[in-house]
């Protein structure tokens, strides 16, 4: 009787240990102190170039937002992004980077969400290899006198919007992945209303920081000039 009890207790302890390991999320200690100012040697700015990619494509409901935490990943801010899956200075050893190149359901973002562009993947890899630093308030080349769709508007939408607003499952039925659709929402006022957080519009990017004043000015000028496919 005593042997049976001890055996059952051992099995129970083993099951508890396995479950504890299964749900444990390995984390790493990182220095989250922001590095403010220009990024040396034409480096990558986390705040402007990397964070919008994660927020738009990954930190979504059902994926890697604070509520869902799929597979233990939360990818909505610097501290959470750095908790696991990124080895500073080693992009090729970083899981978050490697899954960008997988296929099928192993790819991130998972289908039917759109794949990141080659340029966006390269940017994330470059940022990791530069040390994955929390660079903010970086100097930028944004110029309010430049507001062409191809060179200025589409890249902003690709980085901050199309992760949610593209394809058959586009959030709110708003697909911003091609010029014709973007022009429709530019013409009816919804694009400017959303990105400027105007009353009566759902503020975009959702759950993320507002676009920079320079980017907002470029979008408003482009719309005012006729939202041309230039």
Protein backbone atom coordinates (compact mmCIF):
# COMPACT_ATOMS: atom_id res chain seq x y z
CA UNK A 1 0.00 0.00 0.00
CA UNK A 2 2.80 2.39 0.94
CA UNK A 3 4.71 1.53 -2.28
CA UNK A 4 1.59 2.22 -4.35
CA UNK A 5 1.13 5.59 -2.64
CA UNK A 6 4.76 6.53 -3.18
CA UNK A 7 4.59 5.52 -6.85
CA UNK A 8 1.45 7.60 -7.38
CA UNK A 9 3.05 10.57 -5.64
CA UNK A 10 6.15 10.27 -7.81
CA UNK A 11 4.01 10.21 -10.97
CA UNK A 12 2.09 13.28 -9.80
CA UNK A 13 5.30 15.17 -9.10
CA UNK A 14 6.68 14.19 -12.50
CA UNK A 15 3.53 15.43 -14.26
CA UNK A 16 3.68 18.71 -12.37
CA UNK A 17 7.32 19.17 -13.33
CA UNK A 18 6.65 18.45 -16.99
CA UNK A 19 3.75 20.90 -17.07
CA UNK A 20 5.82 23.55 -15.33
CA UNK A 21 8.55 23.19 -17.92
CA UNK A 22 6.03 23.20 -20.73
CA UNK A 23 4.58 26.56 -19.77
CA UNK A 24 7.78 28.21 -18.66
CA UNK A 25 8.80 31.09 -20.92
CA UNK A 26 12.58 31.48 -21.00
CA UNK A 27 13.54 35.12 -20.84
CA UNK A 28 16.75 37.07 -21.05
CA UNK A 29 17.87 40.12 -19.15
CA UNK A 30 18.45 43.06 -21.47
CA UNK A 31 19.31 46.69 -21.01
CA UNK A 32 16.19 48.55 -22.13
CA UNK A 33 17.71 52.01 -21.67
CA UNK A 34 16.90 54.03 -24.80
CA UNK A 35 19.80 55.23 -26.91
CA UNK A 36 18.72 58.66 -28.11
CA UNK A 37 20.08 60.58 -31.06
CA UNK A 38 21.49 59.83 -34.51
CA UNK A 39 22.41 56.22 -35.20
CA UNK A 40 26.09 56.05 -36.21
CA UNK A 41 27.32 54.63 -39.51
CA UNK A 42 23.92 54.83 -41.19
CA UNK A 43 22.53 52.32 -38.72
CA UNK A 44 18.96 51.19 -38.14
CA UNK A 45 16.62 53.13 -35.85
CA UNK A 46 14.50 50.82 -33.69
CA UNK A 47 11.79 53.38 -32.91
CA UNK A 48 11.18 54.43 -36.52
CA UNK A 49 12.15 51.44 -38.63
CA UNK A 50 11.77 48.28 -36.54
CA UNK A 51 9.04 48.82 -33.92
CA UNK A 52 6.31 49.63 -36.51
CA UNK A 53 7.06 46.35 -38.31
CA UNK A 54 6.56 44.33 -35.14
CA UNK A 55 3.49 46.26 -34.03
CA UNK A 56 1.75 46.05 -37.42
CA UNK A 57 2.66 42.49 -38.38
CA UNK A 58 3.06 40.66 -35.09
CA UNK A 59 1.46 42.38 -32.09
CA UNK A 60 -2.08 41.65 -33.24
CA UNK A 61 -5.04 39.99 -31.56
CA UNK A 62 -4.66 36.24 -31.81
CA UNK A 63 -0.92 36.48 -32.34
CA UNK A 64 1.70 38.26 -30.26
CA UNK A 65 -0.15 41.03 -28.46
CA UNK A 66 -0.22 41.33 -24.67
CA UNK A 67 -3.55 39.48 -24.43
CA UNK A 68 -2.76 36.50 -26.66
CA UNK A 69 0.97 35.96 -26.08
CA UNK A 70 1.12 33.14 -28.62
CA UNK A 71 3.98 30.76 -27.74
CA UNK A 72 4.95 33.20 -25.00
CA UNK A 73 5.92 36.02 -27.34
CA UNK A 74 4.72 39.61 -26.87
CA UNK A 75 6.05 41.88 -29.61
CA UNK A 76 4.52 45.26 -28.83
CA UNK A 77 7.47 47.20 -27.37
CA UNK A 78 11.23 47.01 -27.04
CA UNK A 79 11.37 45.26 -23.66
CA UNK A 80 8.91 42.57 -24.71
CA UNK A 81 10.49 42.05 -28.12
CA UNK A 82 13.86 41.46 -26.44
CA UNK A 83 12.55 39.00 -23.83
CA UNK A 84 13.32 35.98 -26.00
CA UNK A 85 14.00 34.97 -29.56
CA UNK A 86 16.63 37.63 -30.29
CA UNK A 87 20.37 37.31 -29.68
CA UNK A 88 21.90 40.75 -30.01
CA UNK A 89 24.60 40.79 -32.65
CA UNK A 90 23.58 37.40 -34.10
CA UNK A 91 20.59 37.60 -36.42
CA UNK A 92 21.17 34.12 -37.89
CA UNK A 93 20.93 32.62 -34.38
CA UNK A 94 17.80 34.61 -33.46
CA UNK A 95 14.55 32.67 -33.71
CA UNK A 96 12.44 35.77 -34.33
CA UNK A 97 14.57 36.53 -37.38
CA UNK A 98 14.85 32.96 -38.68
CA UNK A 99 11.08 32.32 -38.72
CA UNK A 100 10.69 35.19 -41.18
CA UNK A 101 12.21 32.89 -43.81
CA UNK A 102 10.25 29.72 -43.01
CA UNK A 103 7.45 28.40 -45.23
CA UNK A 104 3.84 27.40 -44.63
CA UNK A 105 2.53 27.68 -41.09
CA UNK A 106 6.08 27.87 -39.73
CA UNK A 107 6.53 31.27 -41.37
CA UNK A 108 5.99 34.43 -39.39
CA UNK A 109 3.77 36.29 -39.81
CA UNK A 110 1.66 33.17 -40.32
CA UNK A 111 -0.51 32.81 -43.44
CA UNK A 112 -2.87 34.28 -44.53
CA UNK A 113 -1.05 37.33 -43.16
CA UNK A 114 1.29 38.85 -45.75
CA UNK A 115 4.96 37.98 -45.76
CA UNK A 116 7.42 40.74 -44.91
CA UNK A 117 9.27 42.13 -47.88
CA UNK A 118 12.90 41.20 -48.49
CA UNK A 119 13.89 44.75 -47.55
CA UNK A 120 11.98 44.58 -44.25
CA UNK A 121 13.56 41.23 -43.32
CA UNK A 122 17.01 42.60 -44.16
CA UNK A 123 16.32 45.65 -41.98
CA UNK A 124 15.42 43.50 -38.97
CA UNK A 125 18.53 41.39 -39.52
CA UNK A 126 20.71 44.47 -39.76
CA UNK A 127 19.23 45.90 -36.55
CA UNK A 128 19.91 42.67 -34.65
CA UNK A 129 23.47 42.44 -35.99
CA UNK A 130 24.08 46.04 -34.91
CA UNK A 131 23.30 45.01 -31.35
CA UNK A 132 19.48 45.20 -31.28
CA UNK A 133 19.64 48.51 -29.41
CA UNK A 134 16.66 50.58 -28.26
CA UNK A 135 17.51 53.52 -30.50
CA UNK A 136 15.03 56.42 -30.34
CA UNK A 137 14.77 60.04 -31.45
CA UNK A 138 17.03 59.17 -34.36
CA UNK A 139 17.75 61.64 -37.09
CA UNK A 140 15.72 60.78 -40.17
CA UNK A 141 15.70 61.66 -43.82
CA UNK A 142 11.98 62.44 -43.75
CA UNK A 143 11.32 65.54 -45.83
CA UNK A 144 7.89 67.19 -45.83
CA UNK A 145 8.52 68.61 -49.30
CA UNK A 146 8.61 65.05 -50.67
CA UNK A 147 5.25 63.27 -50.81
CA UNK A 148 5.16 60.89 -53.76
CA UNK A 149 3.20 57.68 -53.41
CA UNK A 150 5.94 55.26 -54.42
CA UNK A 151 8.86 56.84 -52.60
CA UNK A 152 7.20 58.29 -49.51
CA UNK A 153 3.63 57.13 -48.86
CA UNK A 154 3.68 53.42 -49.74
CA UNK A 155 6.75 52.66 -47.54
CA UNK A 156 5.04 54.21 -44.50
CA UNK A 157 1.86 52.22 -45.10
CA UNK A 158 3.88 49.03 -45.64
CA UNK A 159 5.74 49.45 -42.36
CA UNK A 160 2.89 50.61 -40.15
CA UNK A 161 -0.41 49.53 -41.71
CA UNK A 162 -0.48 46.62 -44.16
CA UNK A 163 0.36 44.02 -41.52
CA UNK A 164 -3.28 44.40 -40.41
CA UNK A 165 -4.81 46.00 -43.48
CA UNK A 166 -4.17 43.65 -46.38
CA UNK A 167 -5.53 40.51 -48.01
CA UNK A 168 -8.85 38.74 -47.60
CA UNK A 169 -8.72 39.05 -43.82
CA UNK A 170 -7.89 42.76 -43.78
CA UNK A 171 -8.89 44.33 -40.46
CA UNK A 172 -12.16 46.23 -40.75
CA UNK A 173 -12.29 45.36 -44.45
CA UNK A 174 -9.65 48.04 -45.09
CA UNK A 175 -7.00 46.77 -47.52
CA UNK A 176 -4.09 49.18 -48.00
CA UNK A 177 -1.81 46.84 -49.90
CA UNK A 178 -2.27 48.42 -53.33
CA UNK A 179 -2.58 51.90 -54.80
CA UNK A 180 -6.22 51.70 -55.94
CA UNK A 181 -7.44 50.75 -52.49
CA UNK A 182 -5.28 53.37 -50.79
CA UNK A 183 -6.63 56.04 -53.12
CA UNK A 184 -10.21 55.06 -52.25
CA UNK A 185 -9.58 55.59 -48.53
CA UNK A 186 -7.55 58.72 -49.23
CA UNK A 187 -10.36 60.23 -51.29
CA UNK A 188 -13.13 59.48 -48.80
CA UNK A 189 -11.12 60.98 -45.94
CA UNK A 190 -10.72 57.81 -43.89
CA UNK A 191 -6.96 57.56 -44.34
CA UNK A 192 -6.13 61.03 -43.04
CA UNK A 193 -8.83 60.80 -40.37
CA UNK A 194 -7.40 57.57 -38.98
CA UNK A 195 -3.70 58.43 -39.03
CA UNK A 196 -4.24 61.89 -37.54
CA UNK A 197 -6.52 60.43 -34.83
CA UNK A 198 -9.32 62.80 -35.80
CA UNK A 199 -12.60 62.56 -33.82
CA UNK A 200 -14.96 59.96 -35.24
CA UNK A 201 -12.19 57.79 -36.74
CA UNK A 202 -10.49 54.72 -35.33
CA UNK A 203 -6.93 55.87 -34.54
CA UNK A 204 -4.24 54.12 -36.56
CA UNK A 205 -1.82 52.45 -36.22
CA UNK A 206 -3.97 50.71 -33.63
CA UNK A 207 -2.32 50.20 -30.27
CA UNK A 208 0.88 51.85 -31.46
CA UNK A 209 2.42 55.28 -31.50
CA UNK A 210 1.07 57.87 -33.88
CA UNK A 211 3.01 58.38 -37.10
CA UNK A 212 5.61 61.14 -36.96
CA UNK A 213 4.53 64.69 -37.76
CA UNK A 214 6.67 64.56 -40.89
CA UNK A 215 4.96 61.37 -42.10
CA UNK A 216 1.52 62.81 -41.35
CA UNK A 217 2.37 65.95 -43.29
CA UNK A 218 3.54 63.89 -46.26
CA UNK A 219 0.29 61.90 -46.29
CA UNK A 220 -1.89 65.02 -45.99
CA UNK A 221 0.03 66.78 -48.77
CA UNK A 222 -0.22 63.72 -51.02
CA UNK A 223 -3.98 63.49 -50.49
CA UNK A 224 -4.46 67.22 -51.02
CA UNK A 225 -2.50 67.01 -54.28
CA UNK A 226 -4.92 64.43 -55.65
CA UNK A 227 -3.53 61.16 -54.21
CA UNK A 228 -1.62 60.49 -57.41
CA UNK A 229 0.06 57.18 -58.27
CA UNK A 230 3.42 58.90 -58.67
